[in-house]
Amino acid sequence: MLYLLQQIANAVPIAALYAALAFGYAIAFAVTRRADLTYGALFAFSGQMFVLFADFGWNQLWLVLPAALGIGAAAGLTLGVGAGLVAGRYVMRPLAFSSANTVVVASLGCLLVLMEVARLASDTRSLWLPPFLNENIIFWSDAKFPVTLTLIQLLNTLLMVVLVAGGHWFLAHSRAGRSWRAVSEDRGAAALCGIDAARVYIIAYGAASLIAACCGILAASYYGNMDFGTGLTFGVKVLFIAAIGGQTSPLYAALGAAAIGLLETLWGAYGPILWRDFAIFGFLVIVLAVTRQEKIIP
């Protein structure tokens, strides 16, 4: 029983990360309606820039660890959001408004560019952060098997929940959120009502990039490293996960992603770890096939 409780506790940070990533992805997907691999690349890129600049502040500027981490976080956030805005403004928006099917191919090109920039910037090295905020918080005290989480897991979970809750409130109550909903439902009708669809698209892409950058920094701070392949795997998972909760509904996408995070952790605890990704992706494909709805075009 205590082992199960520990696995549920372990699932909470993963579920929060998946939920935040799916929430941001759904914001961008709602205005394009096309799969976009750039989102996962921005997640990995921001995490790598965070680690790279934190290492620079620690080893080159001789800063104390909090200052080095602050520089890394500022750099990761700035570069991640900046890269997302550039990709959204000059690559994705023109294609989405003229030839939507090319968005998938263009996102792969953006992914390769970001991957190579991160690799060249780090000189093809794998950098690691020192452990920090790793004190254990005990939820169930037992001499043989205490149920615990680390402080950084709790802080990351709290920040990601705040990110999702704050984003949902903003989309539901702000004027920008109403414009986003109008464009996501019908771009042409929104334009007839005086809404600048291109402007809303760029803002949505910027918001999604901000969430991806925040998640990349928080994930790298917990794991200590951000490999681009790992970040891309997260991005592809989110692409499938968000579809279960509803890719055009950020909150439902976040809830579906959280459920998958719990399922993935439990599989890792009780099933063969080598088959975990295969089982998760297989489950997602089956669910998507079963829940697919065909639209009859008159």
C-alpha atoms as a PDB file:
ATOM      1  CA  MET A   1       0.000   0.000   0.000  1.00  0.00           C
ATOM      2  CA  LEU A   2       2.789   2.422   0.900  1.00  0.00           C
ATOM      3  CA  TYR A   3       4.557   1.583  -2.368  1.00  0.00           C
ATOM      4  CA  LEU A   4       1.384   2.509  -4.281  1.00  0.00           C
ATOM      5  CA  LEU A   5       1.090   5.772  -2.357  1.00  0.00           C
ATOM      6  CA  GLN A   6       4.706   6.594  -3.191  1.00  0.00           C
ATOM      7  CA  GLN A   7       4.095   5.942  -6.881  1.00  0.00           C
ATOM      8  CA  ILE A   8       1.017   8.179  -6.843  1.00  0.00           C
ATOM      9  CA  ALA A   9       3.136  10.869  -5.181  1.00  0.00           C
ATOM     10  CA  ASN A  10       5.825  10.379  -7.847  1.00  0.00           C
ATOM     11  CA  ALA A  11       3.164  10.795 -10.534  1.00  0.00           C
ATOM     12  CA  VAL A  12       2.087  14.231  -9.313  1.00  0.00           C
ATOM     13  CA  PRO A  13       5.112  16.198 -10.706  1.00  0.00           C
ATOM     14  CA  ILE A  14       4.985  14.280 -13.999  1.00  0.00           C
ATOM     15  CA  ALA A  15       1.240  14.826 -14.315  1.00  0.00           C
ATOM     16  CA  ALA A  16       1.681  18.552 -13.613  1.00  0.00           C
ATOM     17  CA  LEU A  17       4.413  18.813 -16.268  1.00  0.00           C
ATOM     18  CA  TYR A  18       2.334  17.004 -18.884  1.00  0.00           C
ATOM     19  CA  ALA A  19      -0.714  19.105 -18.001  1.00  0.00           C
ATOM     20  CA  ALA A  20       1.157  22.405 -18.369  1.00  0.00           C
ATOM     21  CA  LEU A  21       2.743  21.324 -21.656  1.00  0.00           C
ATOM     22  CA  ALA A  22      -0.581  20.130 -23.070  1.00  0.00           C
ATOM     23  CA  PHE A  23      -2.265  23.363 -21.969  1.00  0.00           C
ATOM     24  CA  GLY A  24       0.273  25.482 -23.857  1.00  0.00           C
ATOM     25  CA  TYR A  25       0.204  23.247 -26.919  1.00  0.00           C
ATOM     26  CA  ALA A  26      -3.585  23.466 -27.130  1.00  0.00           C
ATOM     27  CA  ILE A  27      -3.432  27.274 -27.143  1.00  0.00           C
ATOM     28  CA  ALA A  28      -1.304  27.254 -30.300  1.00  0.00           C
ATOM     29  CA  PHE A  29      -3.045  24.275 -31.919  1.00  0.00           C
ATOM     30  CA  ALA A  30      -6.473  25.883 -31.605  1.00  0.00           C
ATOM     31  CA  VAL A  31      -5.569  28.604 -34.104  1.00  0.00           C
ATOM     32  CA  THR A  32      -3.698  26.370 -36.580  1.00  0.00           C
ATOM     33  CA  ARG A  33      -5.463  22.972 -36.362  1.00  0.00           C
ATOM     34  CA  ARG A  34      -2.212  21.343 -37.455  1.00  0.00           C
ATOM     35  CA  ALA A  35       0.307  19.224 -35.545  1.00  0.00           C
ATOM     36  CA  ASP A  36       3.318  21.345 -34.609  1.00  0.00           C
ATOM     37  CA  LEU A  37       6.622  19.785 -33.534  1.00  0.00           C
ATOM     38  CA  THR A  38       8.083  23.223 -32.824  1.00  0.00           C
ATOM     39  CA  TYR A  39       6.420  23.229 -29.411  1.00  0.00           C
ATOM     40  CA  GLY A  40       8.425  20.254 -28.155  1.00  0.00           C
ATOM     41  CA  ALA A  41      11.573  21.774 -29.643  1.00  0.00           C
ATOM     42  CA  LEU A  42      10.966  25.031 -27.744  1.00  0.00           C
ATOM     43  CA  PHE A  43      10.534  23.045 -24.533  1.00  0.00           C
ATOM     44  CA  ALA A  44      13.876  21.285 -25.017  1.00  0.00           C
ATOM     45  CA  PHE A  45      15.646  24.410 -26.306  1.00  0.00           C
ATOM     46  CA  SER A  46      14.622  26.512 -23.292  1.00  0.00           C
ATOM     47  CA  GLY A  47      15.762  23.812 -20.886  1.00  0.00           C
ATOM     48  CA  GLN A  48      19.121  23.516 -22.608  1.00  0.00           C
ATOM     49  CA  MET A  49      19.656  27.282 -22.627  1.00  0.00           C
ATOM     50  CA  PHE A  50      18.815  27.370 -18.917  1.00  0.00           C
ATOM     51  CA  VAL A  51      21.461  24.743 -18.145  1.00  0.00           C
ATOM     52  CA  LEU A  52      24.015  26.321 -20.508  1.00  0.00           C
ATOM     53  CA  PHE A  53      23.765  29.839 -19.085  1.00  0.00           C
ATOM     54  CA  ALA A  54      23.590  28.578 -15.501  1.00  0.00           C
ATOM     55  CA  ASP A  55      26.830  26.702 -16.174  1.00  0.00           C
ATOM     56  CA  PHE A  56      28.330  29.872 -17.678  1.00  0.00           C
ATOM     57  CA  GLY A  57      27.375  31.924 -14.634  1.00  0.00           C
ATOM     58  CA  TRP A  58      28.768  29.305 -12.261  1.00  0.00           C
ATOM     59  CA  ASN A  59      32.046  28.428 -13.997  1.00  0.00           C
ATOM     60  CA  GLN A  60      32.882  31.607 -15.923  1.00  0.00           C
ATOM     61  CA  LEU A  61      31.389  34.445 -13.873  1.00  0.00           C
ATOM     62  CA  TRP A  62      31.969  32.716 -10.516  1.00  0.00           C
ATOM     63  CA  LEU A  63      28.509  33.549  -9.266  1.00  0.00           C
ATOM     64  CA  VAL A  64      26.804  31.911  -6.328  1.00  0.00           C
ATOM     65  CA  LEU A  65      24.373  29.161  -7.304  1.00  0.00           C
ATOM     66  CA  PRO A  66      21.107  31.160  -6.922  1.00  0.00           C
ATOM     67  CA  ALA A  67      22.496  33.964  -9.127  1.00  0.00           C
ATOM     68  CA  ALA A  68      23.758  31.484 -11.737  1.00  0.00           C
ATOM     69  CA  LEU A  69      20.373  29.767 -11.804  1.00  0.00           C
ATOM     70  CA  GLY A  70      18.679  33.161 -12.111  1.00  0.00           C
ATOM     71  CA  ILE A  71      20.809  34.057 -15.139  1.00  0.00           C
ATOM     72  CA  GLY A  72      20.080  30.658 -16.652  1.00  0.00           C
ATOM     73  CA  ALA A  73      16.338  31.021 -16.089  1.00  0.00           C
ATOM     74  CA  ALA A  74      16.274  34.529 -17.573  1.00  0.00           C
ATOM     75  CA  ALA A  75      18.256  33.381 -20.621  1.00  0.00           C
ATOM     76  CA  GLY A  76      16.135  30.261 -21.126  1.00  0.00           C
ATOM     77  CA  LEU A  77      12.919  32.233 -20.844  1.00  0.00           C
ATOM     78  CA  THR A  78      14.081  35.050 -23.139  1.00  0.00           C
ATOM     79  CA  LEU A  79      15.575  32.824 -25.822  1.00  0.00           C
ATOM     80  CA  GLY A  80      12.730  30.293 -25.700  1.00  0.00           C
ATOM     81  CA  VAL A  81       9.990  32.896 -26.043  1.00  0.00           C
ATOM     82  CA  GLY A  82      12.018  34.848 -28.597  1.00  0.00           C
ATOM     83  CA  ALA A  83      12.560  31.753 -30.735  1.00  0.00           C
ATOM     84  CA  GLY A  84       8.854  30.942 -30.500  1.00  0.00           C
ATOM     85  CA  LEU A  85       7.804  34.437 -31.555  1.00  0.00           C
ATOM     86  CA  VAL A  86      10.216  34.447 -34.485  1.00  0.00           C
ATOM     87  CA  ALA A  87       9.020  31.026 -35.650  1.00  0.00           C
ATOM     88  CA  GLY A  88       5.376  31.991 -35.185  1.00  0.00           C
ATOM     89  CA  ARG A  89       5.651  35.379 -36.900  1.00  0.00           C
ATOM     90  CA  TYR A  90       7.907  34.606 -39.853  1.00  0.00           C
ATOM     91  CA  VAL A  91       7.387  30.875 -40.471  1.00  0.00           C
ATOM     92  CA  MET A  92       4.165  29.475 -39.051  1.00  0.00           C
ATOM     93  CA  ARG A  93       1.708  32.337 -39.485  1.00  0.00           C
ATOM     94  CA  PRO A  94       2.287  32.894 -43.227  1.00  0.00           C
ATOM     95  CA  LEU A  95       2.026  29.167 -43.865  1.00  0.00           C
ATOM     96  CA  ALA A  96      -0.988  28.620 -41.613  1.00  0.00           C
ATOM     97  CA  PHE A  97      -2.906  31.357 -43.433  1.00  0.00           C
ATOM     98  CA  SER A  98      -1.965  30.220 -46.937  1.00  0.00           C
ATOM     99  CA  SER A  99      -1.112  26.503 -46.992  1.00  0.00           C
ATOM    100  CA  ALA A 100      -1.958  24.923 -43.644  1.00  0.00           C
ATOM    101  CA  ASN A 101      -0.674  21.439 -44.478  1.00  0.00           C
ATOM    102  CA  THR A 102       2.892  22.753 -44.824  1.00  0.00           C
ATOM    103  CA  VAL A 103       2.873  23.747 -41.129  1.00  0.00           C
ATOM    104  CA  VAL A 104       3.869  20.191 -40.172  1.00  0.00           C
ATOM    105  CA  VAL A 105       6.885  20.223 -42.504  1.00  0.00           C
ATOM    106  CA  ALA A 106       7.895  23.730 -41.434  1.00  0.00           C
ATOM    107  CA  SER A 107       7.698  22.727 -37.770  1.00  0.00           C
ATOM    108  CA  LEU A 108      10.153  19.912 -38.466  1.00  0.00           C
ATOM    109  CA  GLY A 109      12.516  22.463 -40.029  1.00  0.00           C
ATOM    110  CA  CYS A 110      12.214  24.737 -36.972  1.00  0.00           C
ATOM    111  CA  LEU A 111      12.913  21.742 -34.763  1.00  0.00           C
ATOM    112  CA  LEU A 112      16.130  20.936 -36.619  1.00  0.00           C
ATOM    113  CA  VAL A 113      17.289  24.563 -36.466  1.00  0.00           C
ATOM    114  CA  LEU A 114      16.698  24.814 -32.709  1.00  0.00           C
ATOM    115  CA  MET A 115      18.345  21.444 -32.115  1.00  0.00           C
ATOM    116  CA  GLU A 116      21.479  22.434 -34.012  1.00  0.00           C
ATOM    117  CA  VAL A 117      21.651  25.869 -32.346  1.00  0.00           C
ATOM    118  CA  ALA A 118      21.477  24.231 -28.911  1.00  0.00           C
ATOM    119  CA  ARG A 119      24.084  21.625 -29.886  1.00  0.00           C
ATOM    120  CA  LEU A 120      26.529  24.189 -31.241  1.00  0.00           C
ATOM    121  CA  ALA A 121      26.003  26.522 -28.286  1.00  0.00           C
ATOM    122  CA  SER A 122      26.843  23.751 -25.822  1.00  0.00           C
ATOM    123  CA  ASP A 123      29.741  22.504 -27.987  1.00  0.00           C
ATOM    124  CA  THR A 124      28.058  19.077 -28.169  1.00  0.00           C
ATOM    125  CA  ARG A 125      28.509  18.613 -24.418  1.00  0.00           C
ATOM    126  CA  SER A 126      26.006  17.285 -21.923  1.00  0.00           C
ATOM    127  CA  LEU A 127      25.943  19.751 -19.025  1.00  0.00           C
ATOM    128  CA  TRP A 128      24.501  18.982 -15.605  1.00  0.00           C
ATOM    129  CA  LEU A 129      23.255  21.205 -12.804  1.00  0.00           C
ATOM    130  CA  PRO A 130      24.227  20.500  -9.189  1.00  0.00           C
ATOM    131  CA  PRO A 131      21.389  19.150  -7.024  1.00  0.00           C
ATOM    132  CA  PHE A 132      19.429  21.825  -5.183  1.00  0.00           C
ATOM    133  CA  LEU A 133      16.202  22.015  -3.160  1.00  0.00           C
ATOM    134  CA  ASN A 134      16.372  18.249  -2.800  1.00  0.00           C
ATOM    135  CA  GLU A 135      15.284  18.022   0.837  1.00  0.00           C
ATOM    136  CA  ASN A 136      12.699  15.289   1.414  1.00  0.00           C
ATOM    137  CA  ILE A 137       9.194  16.278   2.520  1.00  0.00           C
ATOM    138  CA  ILE A 138       7.537  13.362   4.345  1.00  0.00           C
ATOM    139  CA  PHE A 139       3.824  12.806   3.687  1.00  0.00           C
ATOM    140  CA  TRP A 140       3.490   9.453   5.401  1.00  0.00           C
ATOM    141  CA  SER A 141       5.938   8.638   8.136  1.00  0.00           C
ATOM    142  CA  ASP A 142       6.889   4.973   8.272  1.00  0.00           C
ATOM    143  CA  ALA A 143      10.120   3.518   9.576  1.00  0.00           C
ATOM    144  CA  LYS A 144      10.435   1.041   6.699  1.00  0.00           C
ATOM    145  CA  PHE A 145       8.887   2.924   3.756  1.00  0.00           C
ATOM    146  CA  PRO A 146       8.154   6.640   4.197  1.00  0.00           C
ATOM    147  CA  VAL A 147       6.169   8.372   1.431  1.00  0.00           C
ATOM    148  CA  THR A 148       8.147  11.439   0.358  1.00  0.00           C
ATOM    149  CA  LEU A 149       8.695  14.039  -2.339  1.00  0.00           C
ATOM    150  CA  THR A 150      11.531  16.516  -2.672  1.00  0.00           C
ATOM    151  CA  LEU A 151      11.074  20.230  -2.187  1.00  0.00           C
ATOM    152  CA  ILE A 152      11.833  20.994  -5.838  1.00  0.00           C
ATOM    153  CA  GLN A 153       9.177  18.488  -6.957  1.00  0.00           C
ATOM    154  CA  LEU A 154       6.586  20.256  -4.835  1.00  0.00           C
ATOM    155  CA  LEU A 155       7.640  23.723  -6.006  1.00  0.00           C
ATOM    156  CA  ASN A 156       7.616  22.680  -9.663  1.00  0.00           C
ATOM    157  CA  THR A 157       4.187  21.103  -9.269  1.00  0.00           C
ATOM    158  CA  LEU A 158       2.818  24.230  -7.593  1.00  0.00           C
ATOM    159  CA  LEU A 159       4.208  26.529 -10.287  1.00  0.00           C
ATOM    160  CA  MET A 160       2.819  24.386 -13.111  1.00  0.00           C
ATOM    161  CA  VAL A 161      -0.615  24.201 -11.492  1.00  0.00           C
ATOM    162  CA  VAL A 162      -0.582  27.992 -11.091  1.00  0.00           C
ATOM    163  CA  LEU A 163       0.458  28.293 -14.746  1.00  0.00           C
ATOM    164  CA  VAL A 164      -2.489  26.190 -15.927  1.00  0.00           C
ATOM    165  CA  ALA A 165      -5.015  27.774 -13.550  1.00  0.00           C
ATOM    166  CA  GLY A 166      -3.873  31.307 -14.358  1.00  0.00           C
ATOM    167  CA  GLY A 167      -3.882  30.610 -18.081  1.00  0.00           C
ATOM    168  CA  HIS A 168      -7.376  29.154 -17.945  1.00  0.00           C
ATOM    169  CA  TRP A 169      -8.678  32.159 -16.001  1.00  0.00           C
ATOM    170  CA  PHE A 170      -7.070  34.539 -18.502  1.00  0.00           C
ATOM    171  CA  LEU A 171      -8.567  32.751 -21.504  1.00  0.00           C
ATOM    172  CA  ALA A 172     -12.002  32.654 -19.869  1.00  0.00           C
ATOM    173  CA  HIS A 173     -12.235  36.230 -18.592  1.00  0.00           C
ATOM    174  CA  SER A 174      -9.977  38.495 -20.646  1.00  0.00           C
ATOM    175  CA  ARG A 175     -10.666  40.275 -23.931  1.00  0.00           C
ATOM    176  CA  ALA A 176      -7.651  38.560 -25.479  1.00  0.00           C
ATOM    177  CA  GLY A 177      -9.092  35.211 -24.418  1.00  0.00           C
ATOM    178  CA  ARG A 178     -12.404  36.000 -26.111  1.00  0.00           C
ATOM    179  CA  SER A 179     -10.572  36.973 -29.287  1.00  0.00           C
ATOM    180  CA  TRP A 180      -8.579  33.729 -29.119  1.00  0.00           C
ATOM    181  CA  ARG A 181     -11.762  31.679 -28.775  1.00  0.00           C
ATOM    182  CA  ALA A 182     -13.350  33.494 -31.712  1.00  0.00           C
ATOM    183  CA  VAL A 183     -10.370  32.883 -33.999  1.00  0.00           C
ATOM    184  CA  SER A 184     -10.028  29.249 -32.893  1.00  0.00           C
ATOM    185  CA  GLU A 185     -13.707  28.562 -33.662  1.00  0.00           C
ATOM    186  CA  ASP A 186     -13.988  30.406 -36.974  1.00  0.00           C
ATOM    187  CA  ARG A 187     -11.207  32.618 -38.289  1.00  0.00           C
ATOM    188  CA  GLY A 188     -13.293  34.072 -41.091  1.00  0.00           C
ATOM    189  CA  ALA A 189     -16.254  34.988 -38.884  1.00  0.00           C
ATOM    190  CA  ALA A 190     -13.880  36.522 -36.344  1.00  0.00           C
ATOM    191  CA  ALA A 191     -12.354  38.693 -39.076  1.00  0.00           C
ATOM    192  CA  LEU A 192     -15.832  39.901 -40.072  1.00  0.00           C
ATOM    193  CA  CYS A 193     -16.338  41.011 -36.453  1.00  0.00           C
ATOM    194  CA  GLY A 194     -13.198  43.143 -36.597  1.00  0.00           C
ATOM    195  CA  ILE A 195     -10.745  40.743 -34.905  1.00  0.00           C
ATOM    196  CA  ASP A 196      -7.244  40.680 -36.345  1.00  0.00           C
ATOM    197  CA  ALA A 197      -6.699  36.930 -36.758  1.00  0.00           C
ATOM    198  CA  ALA A 198      -3.000  37.318 -37.584  1.00  0.00           C
ATOM    199  CA  ARG A 199      -2.367  39.297 -34.394  1.00  0.00           C
ATOM    200  CA  VAL A 200      -4.276  36.773 -32.296  1.00  0.00           C
ATOM    201  CA  TYR A 201      -2.265  33.961 -33.884  1.00  0.00           C
ATOM    202  CA  ILE A 202       1.066  35.565 -32.946  1.00  0.00           C
ATOM    203  CA  ILE A 203      -0.108  36.260 -29.391  1.00  0.00           C
ATOM    204  CA  ALA A 204      -1.308  32.659 -29.028  1.00  0.00           C
ATOM    205  CA  TYR A 205       1.996  31.337 -30.339  1.00  0.00           C
ATOM    206  CA  GLY A 206       3.861  33.621 -27.954  1.00  0.00           C
ATOM    207  CA  ALA A 207       1.765  32.415 -25.002  1.00  0.00           C
ATOM    208  CA  ALA A 208       2.391  28.797 -25.963  1.00  0.00           C
ATOM    209  CA  SER A 209       6.124  29.522 -26.267  1.00  0.00           C
ATOM    210  CA  LEU A 210       6.110  31.124 -22.810  1.00  0.00           C
ATOM    211  CA  ILE A 211       4.526  28.032 -21.257  1.00  0.00           C
ATOM    212  CA  ALA A 212       6.928  25.725 -23.114  1.00  0.00           C
ATOM    213  CA  ALA A 213       9.906  27.795 -21.912  1.00  0.00           C
ATOM    214  CA  CYS A 214       8.699  27.791 -18.301  1.00  0.00           C
ATOM    215  CA  CYS A 215       8.152  24.032 -18.406  1.00  0.00           C
ATOM    216  CA  GLY A 216      11.579  23.461 -19.970  1.00  0.00           C
ATOM    217  CA  ILE A 217      13.296  25.473 -17.224  1.00  0.00           C
ATOM    218  CA  LEU A 218      11.370  23.756 -14.433  1.00  0.00           C
ATOM    219  CA  ALA A 219      11.970  20.296 -15.897  1.00  0.00           C
ATOM    220  CA  ALA A 220      15.701  20.953 -16.323  1.00  0.00           C
ATOM    221  CA  SER A 221      15.942  22.263 -12.762  1.00  0.00           C
ATOM    222  CA  TYR A 222      14.478  18.994 -11.484  1.00  0.00           C
ATOM    223  CA  TYR A 223      16.246  16.503 -13.745  1.00  0.00           C
ATOM    224  CA  GLY A 224      19.513  18.495 -13.765  1.00  0.00           C
ATOM    225  CA  ASN A 225      19.878  18.183 -17.517  1.00  0.00           C
ATOM    226  CA  MET A 226      17.856  18.604 -20.697  1.00  0.00           C
ATOM    227  CA  ASP A 227      18.767  16.404 -23.627  1.00  0.00           C
ATOM    228  CA  PHE A 228      17.189  17.499 -26.903  1.00  0.00           C
ATOM    229  CA  GLY A 229      16.025  13.978 -27.673  1.00  0.00           C
ATOM    230  CA  THR A 230      14.276  13.787 -24.320  1.00  0.00           C
ATOM    231  CA  GLY A 231      12.631  17.152 -24.876  1.00  0.00           C
ATOM    232  CA  LEU A 232      11.453  16.075 -28.313  1.00  0.00           C
ATOM    233  CA  THR A 233       9.994  12.883 -26.820  1.00  0.00           C
ATOM    234  CA  PHE A 234       8.042  15.018 -24.360  1.00  0.00           C
ATOM    235  CA  GLY A 235       6.813  17.165 -27.243  1.00  0.00           C
ATOM    236  CA  VAL A 236       5.616  14.204 -29.302  1.00  0.00           C
ATOM    237  CA  LYS A 237       3.909  12.716 -26.244  1.00  0.00           C
ATOM    238  CA  VAL A 238       2.116  15.987 -25.622  1.00  0.00           C
ATOM    239  CA  LEU A 239       0.996  16.083 -29.251  1.00  0.00           C
ATOM    240  CA  PHE A 240      -0.778  12.745 -28.728  1.00  0.00           C
ATOM    241  CA  ILE A 241      -1.823  13.417 -25.136  1.00  0.00           C
ATOM    242  CA  ALA A 242      -3.469  16.744 -25.904  1.00  0.00           C
ATOM    243  CA  ALA A 243      -5.617  15.059 -28.529  1.00  0.00           C
ATOM    244  CA  ILE A 244      -7.269  12.882 -25.876  1.00  0.00           C
ATOM    245  CA  GLY A 245      -8.399  15.782 -23.739  1.00  0.00           C
ATOM    246  CA  GLY A 246      -9.268  17.902 -26.753  1.00  0.00           C
ATOM    247  CA  GLN A 247      -6.556  19.781 -28.620  1.00  0.00           C
ATOM    248  CA  THR A 248      -8.682  22.910 -28.981  1.00  0.00           C
ATOM    249  CA  SER A 249      -9.676  23.002 -25.291  1.00  0.00           C
ATOM    250  CA  PRO A 250      -6.572  23.784 -23.207  1.00  0.00           C
ATOM    251  CA  LEU A 251      -8.102  22.819 -19.854  1.00  0.00           C
ATOM    252  CA  TYR A 252      -9.418  19.460 -21.086  1.00  0.00           C
ATOM    253  CA  ALA A 253      -6.084  18.827 -22.798  1.00  0.00           C
ATOM    254  CA  ALA A 254      -4.322  19.506 -19.489  1.00  0.00           C
ATOM    255  CA  LEU A 255      -6.614  17.119 -17.601  1.00  0.00           C
ATOM    256  CA  GLY A 256      -6.096  14.382 -20.180  1.00  0.00           C
ATOM    257  CA  ALA A 257      -2.341  14.896 -20.016  1.00  0.00           C
ATOM    258  CA  ALA A 258      -2.367  14.661 -16.218  1.00  0.00           C
ATOM    259  CA  ALA A 259      -4.198  11.326 -16.443  1.00  0.00           C
ATOM    260  CA  ILE A 260      -1.588  10.002 -18.871  1.00  0.00           C
ATOM    261  CA  GLY A 261       1.182  11.152 -16.521  1.00  0.00           C
ATOM    262  CA  LEU A 262      -0.373   9.089 -13.724  1.00  0.00           C
ATOM    263  CA  LEU A 263      -0.786   6.072 -16.006  1.00  0.00           C
ATOM    264  CA  GLU A 264       2.805   6.313 -17.228  1.00  0.00           C
ATOM    265  CA  THR A 265       4.191   6.434 -13.690  1.00  0.00           C
ATOM    266  CA  LEU A 266       2.128   3.453 -12.560  1.00  0.00           C
ATOM    267  CA  TRP A 267       3.269   1.466 -15.605  1.00  0.00           C
ATOM    268  CA  GLY A 268       6.888   2.267 -14.736  1.00  0.00           C
ATOM    269  CA  ALA A 269       6.272   1.039 -11.190  1.00  0.00           C
ATOM    270  CA  TYR A 270       4.450  -2.206 -11.971  1.00  0.00           C
ATOM    271  CA  GLY A 271       5.203  -3.012 -15.626  1.00  0.00           C
ATOM    272  CA  PRO A 272       8.362  -3.589 -17.678  1.00  0.00           C
ATOM    273  CA  ILE A 273      10.102  -0.239 -18.039  1.00  0.00           C
ATOM    274  CA  LEU A 274      11.417  -1.033 -21.535  1.00  0.00           C
ATOM    275  CA  TRP A 275       7.844  -1.292 -22.822  1.00  0.00           C
ATOM    276  CA  ARG A 276       6.567   1.855 -21.116  1.00  0.00           C
ATOM    277  CA  ASP A 277       6.733   4.279 -24.055  1.00  0.00           C
ATOM    278  CA  PHE A 278       5.441   1.621 -26.457  1.00  0.00           C
ATOM    279  CA  ALA A 279       2.493   0.907 -24.167  1.00  0.00           C
ATOM    280  CA  ILE A 280       1.678   4.588 -23.630  1.00  0.00           C
ATOM    281  CA  PHE A 281       1.863   5.506 -27.318  1.00  0.00           C
ATOM    282  CA  GLY A 282      -0.115   2.391 -28.227  1.00  0.00           C
ATOM    283  CA  PHE A 283      -2.807   3.313 -25.719  1.00  0.00           C
ATOM    284  CA  LEU A 284      -2.962   6.869 -27.097  1.00  0.00           C
ATOM    285  CA  VAL A 285      -3.295   5.635 -30.679  1.00  0.00           C
ATOM    286  CA  ILE A 286      -6.107   3.244 -29.690  1.00  0.00           C
ATOM    287  CA  VAL A 287      -7.983   5.949 -27.790  1.00  0.00           C
ATOM    288  CA  LEU A 288      -7.625   8.380 -30.700  1.00  0.00           C
ATOM    289  CA  ALA A 289      -8.872   5.758 -33.150  1.00  0.00           C
ATOM    290  CA  VAL A 290     -11.875   4.882 -30.981  1.00  0.00           C
ATOM    291  CA  THR A 291     -12.862   8.476 -30.215  1.00  0.00           C
ATOM    292  CA  ARG A 292     -12.297   9.838 -33.719  1.00  0.00           C
ATOM    293  CA  GLN A 293     -15.282  11.655 -35.143  1.00  0.00           C
ATOM    294  CA  GLU A 294     -15.838  11.894 -38.875  1.00  0.00           C
ATOM    295  CA  LYS A 295     -17.334  15.106 -40.278  1.00  0.00           C
ATOM    296  CA  ILE A 296     -19.650  14.724 -43.235  1.00  0.00           C
ATOM    297  CA  ILE A 297     -18.947  17.339 -45.878  1.00  0.00           C
ATOM    298  CA  PRO A 298     -22.097  18.095 -47.900  1.00  0.00           C
END
